[in-house]
Amino acid sequence: MTYILLYLLAVNLLLFAVMGIDKYKAKHQLWRIPERTLFVLAAIGGSLGGILGMRLFHHKTLHPQFRYGFPAILILQLILAGFLVYHFFF
């Protein structure tokens, strides 16, 4: 269980940082991080970090696919986590 929590912490911190880096690159007209990469990181467990990064850095907040996609991924992940906890611990 500890490894799962450490993994989730790491992937959320990673996506949070990547959102900040991409915002910096956008402001300075540098090579950007592909949107697909952002969604992959959210899908593998970093959705909360992505949402926090969006809010803190004001990045991708006007893009509906991010504005609604990251929270949708988070909800699906919470449902999956609840299902797994229920079936493996009760």
Protein backbone atom coordinates (compact mmCIF):
# COMPACT_ATOMS: atom_id res chain seq x y z
CA MET A 1 0.00 0.00 0.00
CA THR A 2 2.89 2.35 0.78
CA TYR A 3 4.34 1.83 -2.70
CA ILE A 4 1.03 2.73 -4.30
CA LEU A 5 0.82 5.96 -2.31
CA LEU A 6 4.44 6.85 -3.13
CA TYR A 7 3.76 6.16 -6.82
CA LEU A 8 0.67 8.38 -6.78
CA LEU A 9 2.54 11.14 -4.98
CA ALA A 10 5.38 10.96 -7.52
CA VAL A 11 3.17 10.97 -10.63
CA ASN A 12 1.06 13.83 -9.26
CA LEU A 13 4.13 15.90 -8.44
CA LEU A 14 5.48 15.11 -11.90
CA LEU A 15 2.35 16.29 -13.72
CA PHE A 16 2.12 19.35 -11.48
CA ALA A 17 5.71 20.26 -12.41
CA VAL A 18 5.15 19.48 -16.09
CA MET A 19 2.15 21.83 -16.15
CA GLY A 20 4.36 24.59 -14.72
CA ILE A 21 7.14 23.86 -17.20
CA ASP A 22 4.70 23.87 -20.13
CA LYS A 23 3.26 27.19 -18.98
CA TYR A 24 6.76 28.65 -18.83
CA LYS A 25 7.48 27.33 -22.32
CA ALA A 26 4.20 28.76 -23.62
CA LYS A 27 5.03 32.22 -22.26
CA HIS A 28 8.51 32.14 -23.78
CA GLN A 29 7.51 30.63 -27.14
CA LEU A 30 9.61 27.50 -26.63
CA TRP A 31 9.00 23.89 -27.65
CA ARG A 32 5.85 22.70 -25.89
CA ILE A 33 5.00 19.49 -24.11
CA PRO A 34 2.45 17.55 -26.21
CA GLU A 35 -1.09 17.53 -24.85
CA ARG A 36 -1.10 13.76 -25.23
CA THR A 37 1.76 13.55 -22.71
CA LEU A 38 -0.23 15.61 -20.23
CA PHE A 39 -3.23 13.32 -20.60
CA VAL A 40 -1.12 10.16 -20.30
CA LEU A 41 0.36 11.45 -17.05
CA ALA A 42 -3.15 12.24 -15.79
CA ALA A 43 -4.43 8.81 -16.83
CA ILE A 44 -1.66 6.94 -15.02
CA GLY A 45 -2.58 8.58 -11.74
CA GLY A 46 -1.55 12.23 -11.92
CA SER A 47 -4.92 13.84 -12.51
CA LEU A 48 -5.03 15.67 -9.17
CA GLY A 49 -1.57 17.12 -9.77
CA GLY A 50 -2.71 18.19 -13.23
CA ILE A 51 -5.79 19.92 -11.85
CA LEU A 52 -3.74 21.71 -9.19
CA GLY A 53 -1.17 22.70 -11.82
CA MET A 54 -3.90 24.07 -14.08
CA ARG A 55 -5.24 26.19 -11.25
CA LEU A 56 -1.96 27.42 -9.81
CA PHE A 57 -0.25 28.17 -13.13
CA HIS A 58 -3.45 29.27 -14.93
CA HIS A 59 -2.52 26.87 -17.70
CA LYS A 60 -4.91 25.13 -20.10
CA THR A 61 -7.90 26.43 -18.11
CA LEU A 62 -9.71 27.65 -21.23
CA HIS A 63 -9.32 24.33 -23.06
CA PRO A 64 -12.48 22.25 -22.47
CA GLN A 65 -10.61 18.98 -22.95
CA PHE A 66 -8.43 19.85 -19.95
CA ARG A 67 -11.02 21.76 -17.96
CA TYR A 68 -13.40 18.80 -18.00
CA GLY A 69 -11.03 15.98 -18.96
CA PHE A 70 -8.73 16.08 -15.93
CA PRO A 71 -11.62 16.14 -13.43
CA ALA A 72 -13.36 13.33 -15.35
CA ILE A 73 -10.21 11.23 -15.19
CA LEU A 74 -9.92 11.95 -11.45
CA ILE A 75 -13.54 10.88 -10.86
CA LEU A 76 -12.98 7.65 -12.80
CA GLN A 77 -9.81 6.98 -10.80
CA LEU A 78 -11.64 7.55 -7.51
CA ILE A 79 -14.42 5.19 -8.58
CA LEU A 80 -11.83 2.56 -9.55
CA ALA A 81 -9.99 3.03 -6.24
CA GLY A 82 -13.25 2.67 -4.30
CA PHE A 83 -14.11 -0.48 -6.24
CA LEU A 84 -10.69 -2.00 -5.58
CA VAL A 85 -10.72 -1.11 -1.89
CA TYR A 86 -14.22 -2.52 -1.48
CA HIS A 87 -13.42 -5.80 -3.25
CA PHE A 88 -9.99 -6.41 -1.75
CA PHE A 89 -10.42 -5.13 1.80
CA PHE A 90 -14.07 -5.90 2.62
